[in-house]
Amino acid sequence: MLRNMNTPNEADDRMRTLAELAEMLQVSRSTAYRLRKEQDWPSYEFGKIIRFSPRDVEKILAMNRKPTKSSEPVRRPMVGTQRSQALSRSRNFRNGFYR
């Protein structure tokens, strides 16, 4: 059954072109073509015509979602005096010199 694509509720159900997807993602068309090839984006191909379903768009967005940083505190690397003190403490502990 064909649906009327002009109704607002069904506007998001339509297939999108690569140019429309690039505009939606706010990247250039050439970047979208490159990412499609590099990341093997899901799509429908009809000869040379490429279309993306709403489900394909969701998958593409999920593929490129960057996870949030964990709530664990970030450990700064020890440099300079802190590192040398930590090394001497571990050496003293191993050699039986406790403080």
PDB file of N, CA and C in Angstrom:
ATOM      1  N   MET A   1       0.844  -1.174   0.000  1.00  0.00           N
ATOM      2  CA  MET A   1       0.000   0.000   0.000  1.00  0.00           C
ATOM      3  C   MET A   1       0.893   1.244   0.000  1.00  0.00           C
ATOM      4  N   LEU A   2       0.661   2.127  -0.931  1.00  0.00           N
ATOM      5  CA  LEU A   2       1.435   3.369  -0.993  1.00  0.00           C
ATOM      6  C   LEU A   2       0.850   4.383  -0.033  1.00  0.00           C
ATOM      7  N   ARG A   3       1.720   5.126   0.595  1.00  0.00           N
ATOM      8  CA  ARG A   3       1.274   6.151   1.541  1.00  0.00           C
ATOM      9  C   ARG A   3       1.534   7.523   0.962  1.00  0.00           C
ATOM     10  N   ASN A   4       0.749   8.481   1.393  1.00  0.00           N
ATOM     11  CA  ASN A   4       0.971   9.869   1.007  1.00  0.00           C
ATOM     12  C   ASN A   4       2.128  10.398   1.841  1.00  0.00           C
ATOM     13  N   MET A   5       3.218  10.778   1.195  1.00  0.00           N
ATOM     14  CA  MET A   5       4.416  11.198   1.916  1.00  0.00           C
ATOM     15  C   MET A   5       4.351  12.649   2.380  1.00  0.00           C
ATOM     16  N   ASN A   6       3.273  13.336   2.127  1.00  0.00           N
ATOM     17  CA  ASN A   6       3.182  14.746   2.497  1.00  0.00           C
ATOM     18  C   ASN A   6       2.674  14.950   3.915  1.00  0.00           C
ATOM     19  N   THR A   7       2.176  13.912   4.561  1.00  0.00           N
ATOM     20  CA  THR A   7       1.675  14.093   5.917  1.00  0.00           C
ATOM     21  C   THR A   7       2.844  14.222   6.878  1.00  0.00           C
ATOM     22  N   PRO A   8       2.737  15.113   7.854  1.00  0.00           N
ATOM     23  CA  PRO A   8       3.867  15.379   8.747  1.00  0.00           C
ATOM     24  C   PRO A   8       4.301  14.159   9.550  1.00  0.00           C
ATOM     25  N   ASN A   9       3.380  13.289   9.948  1.00  0.00           N
ATOM     26  CA  ASN A   9       3.737  12.138  10.770  1.00  0.00           C
ATOM     27  C   ASN A   9       4.548  11.106   9.995  1.00  0.00           C
ATOM     28  N   GLU A  10       4.390  11.067   8.698  1.00  0.00           N
ATOM     29  CA  GLU A  10       5.061  10.061   7.897  1.00  0.00           C
ATOM     30  C   GLU A  10       6.260  10.614   7.139  1.00  0.00           C
ATOM     31  N   ALA A  11       6.579  11.882   7.317  1.00  0.00           N
ATOM     32  CA  ALA A  11       7.684  12.496   6.582  1.00  0.00           C
ATOM     33  C   ALA A  11       9.021  11.853   6.939  1.00  0.00           C
ATOM     34  N   ASP A  12       9.146  11.354   8.173  1.00  0.00           N
ATOM     35  CA  ASP A  12      10.402  10.746   8.601  1.00  0.00           C
ATOM     36  C   ASP A  12      10.561   9.313   8.102  1.00  0.00           C
ATOM     37  N   ASP A  13       9.512   8.718   7.548  1.00  0.00           N
ATOM     38  CA  ASP A  13       9.577   7.342   7.072  1.00  0.00           C
ATOM     39  C   ASP A  13      10.135   7.228   5.665  1.00  0.00           C
ATOM     40  N   ARG A  14      10.432   8.330   5.023  1.00  0.00           N
ATOM     41  CA  ARG A  14      10.863   8.261   3.623  1.00  0.00           C
ATOM     42  C   ARG A  14      12.344   7.925   3.523  1.00  0.00           C
ATOM     43  N   MET A  15      12.702   7.365   2.373  1.00  0.00           N
ATOM     44  CA  MET A  15      14.106   7.053   2.087  1.00  0.00           C
ATOM     45  C   MET A  15      14.838   8.358   1.801  1.00  0.00           C
ATOM     46  N   ARG A  16      16.094   8.418   2.195  1.00  0.00           N
ATOM     47  CA  ARG A  16      16.891   9.632   2.003  1.00  0.00           C
ATOM     48  C   ARG A  16      18.035   9.363   1.045  1.00  0.00           C
ATOM     49  N   THR A  17      18.400  10.392   0.315  1.00  0.00           N
ATOM     50  CA  THR A  17      19.561  10.307  -0.570  1.00  0.00           C
ATOM     51  C   THR A  17      20.812  10.575   0.255  1.00  0.00           C
ATOM     52  N   LEU A  18      21.952  10.318  -0.344  1.00  0.00           N
ATOM     53  CA  LEU A  18      23.217  10.577   0.355  1.00  0.00           C
ATOM     54  C   LEU A  18      23.391  12.070   0.609  1.00  0.00           C
ATOM     55  N   ALA A  19      22.953  12.901  -0.335  1.00  0.00           N
ATOM     56  CA  ALA A  19      23.056  14.353  -0.154  1.00  0.00           C
ATOM     57  C   ALA A  19      22.186  14.813   1.015  1.00  0.00           C
ATOM     58  N   GLU A  20      20.986  14.249   1.141  1.00  0.00           N
ATOM     59  CA  GLU A  20      20.107  14.614   2.259  1.00  0.00           C
ATOM     60  C   GLU A  20      20.695  14.132   3.590  1.00  0.00           C
ATOM     61  N   LEU A  21      21.262  12.943   3.559  1.00  0.00           N
ATOM     62  CA  LEU A  21      21.885  12.417   4.770  1.00  0.00           C
ATOM     63  C   LEU A  21      23.086  13.269   5.176  1.00  0.00           C
ATOM     64  N   ALA A  22      23.880  13.694   4.193  1.00  0.00           N
ATOM     65  CA  ALA A  22      25.035  14.555   4.483  1.00  0.00           C
ATOM     66  C   ALA A  22      24.570  15.864   5.108  1.00  0.00           C
ATOM     67  N   GLU A  23      23.495  16.419   4.569  1.00  0.00           N
ATOM     68  CA  GLU A  23      22.959  17.671   5.122  1.00  0.00           C
ATOM     69  C   GLU A  23      22.458  17.459   6.544  1.00  0.00           C
ATOM     70  N   MET A  24      21.794  16.337   6.769  1.00  0.00           N
ATOM     71  CA  MET A  24      21.276  16.042   8.099  1.00  0.00           C
ATOM     72  C   MET A  24      22.422  15.865   9.101  1.00  0.00           C
ATOM     73  N   LEU A  25      23.517  15.244   8.675  1.00  0.00           N
ATOM     74  CA  LEU A  25      24.669  15.019   9.553  1.00  0.00           C
ATOM     75  C   LEU A  25      25.605  16.229   9.624  1.00  0.00           C
ATOM     76  N   GLN A  26      25.326  17.227   8.822  1.00  0.00           N
ATOM     77  CA  GLN A  26      26.105  18.459   8.758  1.00  0.00           C
ATOM     78  C   GLN A  26      27.552  18.188   8.358  1.00  0.00           C
ATOM     79  N   VAL A  27      27.700  17.361   7.312  1.00  0.00           N
ATOM     80  CA  VAL A  27      29.005  17.111   6.710  1.00  0.00           C
ATOM     81  C   VAL A  27      28.862  17.333   5.210  1.00  0.00           C
ATOM     82  N   SER A  28      29.994  17.496   4.530  1.00  0.00           N
ATOM     83  CA  SER A  28      29.936  17.697   3.088  1.00  0.00           C
ATOM     84  C   SER A  28      29.552  16.392   2.394  1.00  0.00           C
ATOM     85  N   ARG A  29      29.103  16.504   1.149  1.00  0.00           N
ATOM     86  CA  ARG A  29      28.740  15.308   0.394  1.00  0.00           C
ATOM     87  C   ARG A  29      29.945  14.399   0.193  1.00  0.00           C
ATOM     88  N   SER A  30      31.096  15.006  -0.081  1.00  0.00           N
ATOM     89  CA  SER A  30      32.287  14.181  -0.295  1.00  0.00           C
ATOM     90  C   SER A  30      32.676  13.433   0.985  1.00  0.00           C
ATOM     91  N   THR A  31      32.503  14.069   2.143  1.00  0.00           N
ATOM     92  CA  THR A  31      32.777  13.401   3.415  1.00  0.00           C
ATOM     93  C   THR A  31      31.797  12.251   3.629  1.00  0.00           C
ATOM     94  N   ALA A  32      30.533  12.470   3.292  1.00  0.00           N
ATOM     95  CA  ALA A  32      29.527  11.417   3.434  1.00  0.00           C
ATOM     96  C   ALA A  32      29.858  10.227   2.528  1.00  0.00           C
ATOM     97  N   TYR A  33      30.263  10.498   1.283  1.00  0.00           N
ATOM     98  CA  TYR A  33      30.652   9.416   0.379  1.00  0.00           C
ATOM     99  C   TYR A  33      31.850   8.646   0.932  1.00  0.00           C
ATOM    100  N   ARG A  34      32.839   9.374   1.453  1.00  0.00           N
ATOM    101  CA  ARG A  34      34.036   8.732   1.990  1.00  0.00           C
ATOM    102  C   ARG A  34      33.695   7.879   3.203  1.00  0.00           C
ATOM    103  N   LEU A  35      32.899   8.425   4.131  1.00  0.00           N
ATOM    104  CA  LEU A  35      32.514   7.682   5.331  1.00  0.00           C
ATOM    105  C   LEU A  35      31.680   6.460   4.984  1.00  0.00           C
ATOM    106  N   ARG A  36      30.808   6.588   3.981  1.00  0.00           N
ATOM    107  CA  ARG A  36      29.980   5.457   3.552  1.00  0.00           C
ATOM    108  C   ARG A  36      30.866   4.308   3.087  1.00  0.00           C
ATOM    109  N   LYS A  37      31.901   4.645   2.359  1.00  0.00           N
ATOM    110  CA  LYS A  37      32.802   3.619   1.843  1.00  0.00           C
ATOM    111  C   LYS A  37      33.681   3.042   2.954  1.00  0.00           C
ATOM    112  N   GLU A  38      34.241   3.901   3.804  1.00  0.00           N
ATOM    113  CA  GLU A  38      35.145   3.457   4.868  1.00  0.00           C
ATOM    114  C   GLU A  38      34.433   2.643   5.943  1.00  0.00           C
ATOM    115  N   GLN A  39      33.219   3.078   6.312  1.00  0.00           N
ATOM    116  CA  GLN A  39      32.521   2.455   7.430  1.00  0.00           C
ATOM    117  C   GLN A  39      31.463   1.444   6.996  1.00  0.00           C
ATOM    118  N   ASP A  40      31.320   1.240   5.707  1.00  0.00           N
ATOM    119  CA  ASP A  40      30.358   0.283   5.168  1.00  0.00           C
ATOM    120  C   ASP A  40      28.953   0.546   5.715  1.00  0.00           C
ATOM    121  N   TRP A  41      28.462   1.768   5.467  1.00  0.00           N
ATOM    122  CA  TRP A  41      27.135   2.160   5.929  1.00  0.00           C
ATOM    123  C   TRP A  41      26.068   1.279   5.305  1.00  0.00           C
ATOM    124  N   PRO A  42      25.032   0.909   6.083  1.00  0.00           N
ATOM    125  CA  PRO A  42      23.916   0.161   5.503  1.00  0.00           C
ATOM    126  C   PRO A  42      23.117   1.071   4.573  1.00  0.00           C
ATOM    127  N   SER A  43      22.729   0.544   3.421  1.00  0.00           N
ATOM    128  CA  SER A  43      21.968   1.344   2.460  1.00  0.00           C
ATOM    129  C   SER A  43      21.289   0.424   1.465  1.00  0.00           C
ATOM    130  N   TYR A  44      20.415   1.013   0.668  1.00  0.00           N
ATOM    131  CA  TYR A  44      19.782   0.310  -0.444  1.00  0.00           C
ATOM    132  C   TYR A  44      20.373   0.874  -1.714  1.00  0.00           C
ATOM    133  N   GLU A  45      20.755   0.002  -2.626  1.00  0.00           N
ATOM    134  CA  GLU A  45      21.322   0.445  -3.897  1.00  0.00           C
ATOM    135  C   GLU A  45      20.459  -0.090  -5.030  1.00  0.00           C
ATOM    136  N   PHE A  46      20.013   0.808  -5.871  1.00  0.00           N
ATOM    137  CA  PHE A  46      19.234   0.477  -7.052  1.00  0.00           C
ATOM    138  C   PHE A  46      20.048   0.932  -8.249  1.00  0.00           C
ATOM    139  N   GLY A  47      20.916   0.078  -8.732  1.00  0.00           N
ATOM    140  CA  GLY A  47      21.848   0.488  -9.772  1.00  0.00           C
ATOM    141  C   GLY A  47      22.850   1.446  -9.165  1.00  0.00           C
ATOM    142  N   LYS A  48      22.874   2.683  -9.652  1.00  0.00           N
ATOM    143  CA  LYS A  48      23.770   3.699  -9.096  1.00  0.00           C
ATOM    144  C   LYS A  48      23.072   4.589  -8.067  1.00  0.00           C
ATOM    145  N   ILE A  49      21.790   4.355  -7.852  1.00  0.00           N
ATOM    146  CA  ILE A  49      21.016   5.164  -6.909  1.00  0.00           C
ATOM    147  C   ILE A  49      21.178   4.581  -5.505  1.00  0.00           C
ATOM    148  N   ILE A  50      21.522   5.432  -4.557  1.00  0.00           N
ATOM    149  CA  ILE A  50      21.734   5.020  -3.171  1.00  0.00           C
ATOM    150  C   ILE A  50      20.670   5.687  -2.303  1.00  0.00           C
ATOM    151  N   ARG A  51      20.010   4.882  -1.478  1.00  0.00           N
ATOM    152  CA  ARG A  51      19.003   5.415  -0.570  1.00  0.00           C
ATOM    153  C   ARG A  51      19.213   4.829   0.827  1.00  0.00           C
ATOM    154  N   PHE A  52      18.807   5.609   1.824  1.00  0.00           N
ATOM    155  CA  PHE A  52      18.943   5.210   3.222  1.00  0.00           C
ATOM    156  C   PHE A  52      17.574   5.241   3.876  1.00  0.00           C
ATOM    157  N   SER A  53      17.201   4.139   4.506  1.00  0.00           N
ATOM    158  CA  SER A  53      15.936   4.086   5.236  1.00  0.00           C
ATOM    159  C   SER A  53      16.129   4.742   6.596  1.00  0.00           C
ATOM    160  N   PRO A  54      15.035   5.076   7.281  1.00  0.00           N
ATOM    161  CA  PRO A  54      15.184   5.636   8.632  1.00  0.00           C
ATOM    162  C   PRO A  54      15.956   4.699   9.566  1.00  0.00           C
ATOM    163  N   ARG A  55      15.761   3.399   9.416  1.00  0.00           N
ATOM    164  CA  ARG A  55      16.491   2.431  10.233  1.00  0.00           C
ATOM    165  C   ARG A  55      17.981   2.470   9.897  1.00  0.00           C
ATOM    166  N   ASP A  56      18.320   2.631   8.611  1.00  0.00           N
ATOM    167  CA  ASP A  56      19.724   2.753   8.211  1.00  0.00           C
ATOM    168  C   ASP A  56      20.363   3.979   8.859  1.00  0.00           C
ATOM    169  N   VAL A  57      19.619   5.076   8.867  1.00  0.00           N
ATOM    170  CA  VAL A  57      20.136   6.324   9.462  1.00  0.00           C
ATOM    171  C   VAL A  57      20.407   6.116  10.951  1.00  0.00           C
ATOM    172  N   GLU A  58      19.492   5.424  11.630  1.00  0.00           N
ATOM    173  CA  GLU A  58      19.703   5.144  13.056  1.00  0.00           C
ATOM    174  C   GLU A  58      20.963   4.308  13.270  1.00  0.00           C
ATOM    175  N   LYS A  59      21.168   3.307  12.416  1.00  0.00           N
ATOM    176  CA  LYS A  59      22.356   2.453  12.533  1.00  0.00           C
ATOM    177  C   LYS A  59      23.636   3.258  12.293  1.00  0.00           C
ATOM    178  N   ILE A  60      23.594   4.157  11.310  1.00  0.00           N
ATOM    179  CA  ILE A  60      24.767   4.989  11.001  1.00  0.00           C
ATOM    180  C   ILE A  60      25.099   5.887  12.189  1.00  0.00           C
ATOM    181  N   LEU A  61      24.061   6.480  12.775  1.00  0.00           N
ATOM    182  CA  LEU A  61      24.282   7.332  13.945  1.00  0.00           C
ATOM    183  C   LEU A  61      24.839   6.519  15.110  1.00  0.00           C
ATOM    184  N   ALA A  62      24.327   5.307  15.310  1.00  0.00           N
ATOM    185  CA  ALA A  62      24.804   4.461  16.401  1.00  0.00           C
ATOM    186  C   ALA A  62      26.258   4.039  16.171  1.00  0.00           C
ATOM    187  N   MET A  63      26.624   3.778  14.904  1.00  0.00           N
ATOM    188  CA  MET A  63      27.995   3.382  14.580  1.00  0.00           C
ATOM    189  C   MET A  63      28.996   4.472  14.944  1.00  0.00           C
ATOM    190  N   ASN A  64      28.565   5.719  14.843  1.00  0.00           N
ATOM    191  CA  ASN A  64      29.475   6.844  15.034  1.00  0.00           C
ATOM    192  C   ASN A  64      29.298   7.540  16.369  1.00  0.00           C
ATOM    193  N   ARG A  65      28.496   6.972  17.236  1.00  0.00           N
ATOM    194  CA  ARG A  65      28.295   7.585  18.548  1.00  0.00           C
ATOM    195  C   ARG A  65      29.531   7.356  19.403  1.00  0.00           C
ATOM    196  N   LYS A  66      30.012   8.426  19.971  1.00  0.00           N
ATOM    197  CA  LYS A  66      31.177   8.349  20.855  1.00  0.00           C
ATOM    198  C   LYS A  66      30.667   8.119  22.275  1.00  0.00           C
ATOM    199  N   PRO A  67      31.153   7.077  22.955  1.00  0.00           N
ATOM    200  CA  PRO A  67      30.673   6.822  24.312  1.00  0.00           C
ATOM    201  C   PRO A  67      31.105   7.931  25.265  1.00  0.00           C
ATOM    202  N   THR A  68      30.285   8.136  26.276  1.00  0.00           N
ATOM    203  CA  THR A  68      30.619   9.162  27.263  1.00  0.00           C
ATOM    204  C   THR A  68      31.777   8.676  28.113  1.00  0.00           C
ATOM    205  N   LYS A  69      32.486   9.600  28.694  1.00  0.00           N
ATOM    206  CA  LYS A  69      33.617   9.254  29.548  1.00  0.00           C
ATOM    207  C   LYS A  69      33.091   8.609  30.818  1.00  0.00           C
ATOM    208  N   SER A  70      33.835   7.680  31.350  1.00  0.00           N
ATOM    209  CA  SER A  70      33.417   6.979  32.559  1.00  0.00           C
ATOM    210  C   SER A  70      33.488   7.923  33.751  1.00  0.00           C
ATOM    211  N   SER A  71      32.827   7.520  34.806  1.00  0.00           N
ATOM    212  CA  SER A  71      32.804   8.358  36.008  1.00  0.00           C
ATOM    213  C   SER A  71      34.040   8.149  36.871  1.00  0.00           C
ATOM    214  N   GLU A  72      34.932   7.250  36.443  1.00  0.00           N
ATOM    215  CA  GLU A  72      36.148   7.028  37.210  1.00  0.00           C
ATOM    216  C   GLU A  72      37.061   8.240  37.104  1.00  0.00           C
ATOM    217  N   PRO A  73      37.743   8.588  38.206  1.00  0.00           N
ATOM    218  CA  PRO A  73      38.663   9.724  38.139  1.00  0.00           C
ATOM    219  C   PRO A  73      39.837   9.418  37.215  1.00  0.00           C
ATOM    220  N   VAL A  74      40.298  10.427  36.554  1.00  0.00           N
ATOM    221  CA  VAL A  74      41.418  10.271  35.639  1.00  0.00           C
ATOM    222  C   VAL A  74      42.713  10.284  36.431  1.00  0.00           C
ATOM    223  N   ARG A  75      43.553   9.264  36.225  1.00  0.00           N
ATOM    224  CA  ARG A  75      44.852   9.229  36.896  1.00  0.00           C
ATOM    225  C   ARG A  75      45.853   9.961  36.035  1.00  0.00           C
ATOM    226  N   ARG A  76      46.428  10.989  36.621  1.00  0.00           N
ATOM    227  CA  ARG A  76      47.455  11.730  35.898  1.00  0.00           C
ATOM    228  C   ARG A  76      48.756  10.954  35.948  1.00  0.00           C
ATOM    229  N   PRO A  77      49.515  10.991  34.879  1.00  0.00           N
ATOM    230  CA  PRO A  77      50.794  10.282  34.910  1.00  0.00           C
ATOM    231  C   PRO A  77      51.740  10.960  35.889  1.00  0.00           C
ATOM    232  N   MET A  78      52.520  10.121  36.576  1.00  0.00           N
ATOM    233  CA  MET A  78      53.493  10.676  37.520  1.00  0.00           C
ATOM    234  C   MET A  78      54.712  11.143  36.746  1.00  0.00           C
ATOM    235  N   VAL A  79      55.111  12.355  37.019  1.00  0.00           N
ATOM    236  CA  VAL A  79      56.289  12.906  36.350  1.00  0.00           C
ATOM    237  C   VAL A  79      57.214  13.512  37.388  1.00  0.00           C
ATOM    238  N   GLY A  80      58.442  13.609  37.031  1.00  0.00           N
ATOM    239  CA  GLY A  80      59.411  14.290  37.882  1.00  0.00           C
ATOM    240  C   GLY A  80      59.553  13.673  39.255  1.00  0.00           C
ATOM    241  N   THR A  81      59.427  14.485  40.283  1.00  0.00           N
ATOM    242  CA  THR A  81      59.666  14.075  41.655  1.00  0.00           C
ATOM    243  C   THR A  81      58.682  13.010  42.107  1.00  0.00           C
ATOM    244  N   GLN A  82      57.415  13.135  41.732  1.00  0.00           N
ATOM    245  CA  GLN A  82      56.418  12.150  42.150  1.00  0.00           C
ATOM    246  C   GLN A  82      56.807  10.756  41.677  1.00  0.00           C
ATOM    247  N   ARG A  83      57.251  10.670  40.439  1.00  0.00           N
ATOM    248  CA  ARG A  83      57.605   9.373  39.870  1.00  0.00           C
ATOM    249  C   ARG A  83      58.842   8.804  40.563  1.00  0.00           C
ATOM    250  N   SER A  84      59.844   9.643  40.790  1.00  0.00           N
ATOM    251  CA  SER A  84      61.069   9.140  41.429  1.00  0.00           C
ATOM    252  C   SER A  84      60.794   8.718  42.872  1.00  0.00           C
ATOM    253  N   GLN A  85      59.924   9.445  43.585  1.00  0.00           N
ATOM    254  CA  GLN A  85      59.577   9.053  44.946  1.00  0.00           C
ATOM    255  C   GLN A  85      58.836   7.732  44.954  1.00  0.00           C
ATOM    256  N   ALA A  86      57.925   7.545  44.027  1.00  0.00           N
ATOM    257  CA  ALA A  86      57.166   6.294  43.956  1.00  0.00           C
ATOM    258  C   ALA A  86      58.087   5.127  43.626  1.00  0.00           C
ATOM    259  N   LEU A  87      59.031   5.339  42.727  1.00  0.00           N
ATOM    260  CA  LEU A  87      59.974   4.274  42.380  1.00  0.00           C
ATOM    261  C   LEU A  87      60.861   3.912  43.555  1.00  0.00           C
ATOM    262  N   SER A  88      61.351   4.914  44.286  1.00  0.00           N
ATOM    263  CA  SER A  88      62.222   4.610  45.430  1.00  0.00           C
ATOM    264  C   SER A  88      61.434   3.926  46.537  1.00  0.00           C
ATOM    265  N   ARG A  89      60.163   4.284  46.735  1.00  0.00           N
ATOM    266  CA  ARG A  89      59.337   3.595  47.735  1.00  0.00           C
ATOM    267  C   ARG A  89      59.175   2.128  47.365  1.00  0.00           C
ATOM    268  N   SER A  90      58.892   1.869  46.079  1.00  0.00           N
ATOM    269  CA  SER A  90      58.705   0.466  45.677  1.00  0.00           C
ATOM    270  C   SER A  90      60.016  -0.310  45.795  1.00  0.00           C
ATOM    271  N   ARG A  91      61.143   0.308  45.465  1.00  0.00           N
ATOM    272  CA  ARG A  91      62.440  -0.360  45.602  1.00  0.00           C
ATOM    273  C   ARG A  91      62.737  -0.654  47.070  1.00  0.00           C
ATOM    274  N   ASN A  92      62.500   0.344  47.939  1.00  0.00           N
ATOM    275  CA  ASN A  92      62.744   0.158  49.371  1.00  0.00           C
ATOM    276  C   ASN A  92      61.861  -0.949  49.934  1.00  0.00           C
ATOM    277  N   PHE A  93      60.620  -1.005  49.489  1.00  0.00           N
ATOM    278  CA  PHE A  93      59.699  -2.026  49.971  1.00  0.00           C
ATOM    279  C   PHE A  93      60.173  -3.411  49.551  1.00  0.00           C
ATOM    280  N   ARG A  94      60.601  -3.527  48.281  1.00  0.00           N
ATOM    281  CA  ARG A  94      61.087  -4.820  47.790  1.00  0.00           C
ATOM    282  C   ARG A  94      62.375  -5.250  48.495  1.00  0.00           C
ATOM    283  N   ASN A  95      63.223  -4.288  48.846  1.00  0.00           N
ATOM    284  CA  ASN A  95      64.511  -4.606  49.495  1.00  0.00           C
ATOM    285  C   ASN A  95      64.404  -4.712  51.016  1.00  0.00           C
ATOM    286  N   GLY A  96      63.210  -4.562  51.538  1.00  0.00           N
ATOM    287  CA  GLY A  96      63.010  -4.719  52.975  1.00  0.00           C
ATOM    288  C   GLY A  96      63.261  -3.459  53.786  1.00  0.00           C
ATOM    289  N   PHE A  97      63.435  -2.323  53.158  1.00  0.00           N
ATOM    290  CA  PHE A  97      63.622  -1.067  53.888  1.00  0.00           C
ATOM    291  C   PHE A  97      62.259  -0.371  53.982  1.00  0.00           C
ATOM    292  N   TYR A  98      61.597  -0.549  55.099  1.00  0.00           N
ATOM    293  CA  TYR A  98      60.275   0.045  55.266  1.00  0.00           C
ATOM    294  C   TYR A  98      60.410   1.387  55.947  1.00  0.00           C
ATOM    295  N   ARG A  99      59.546   2.292  55.693  1.00  0.00           N
ATOM    296  CA  ARG A  99      59.562   3.585  56.384  1.00  0.00           C
ATOM    297  C   ARG A  99      58.567   3.616  57.478  1.00  0.00           C
TER     298      ARG A  99
END
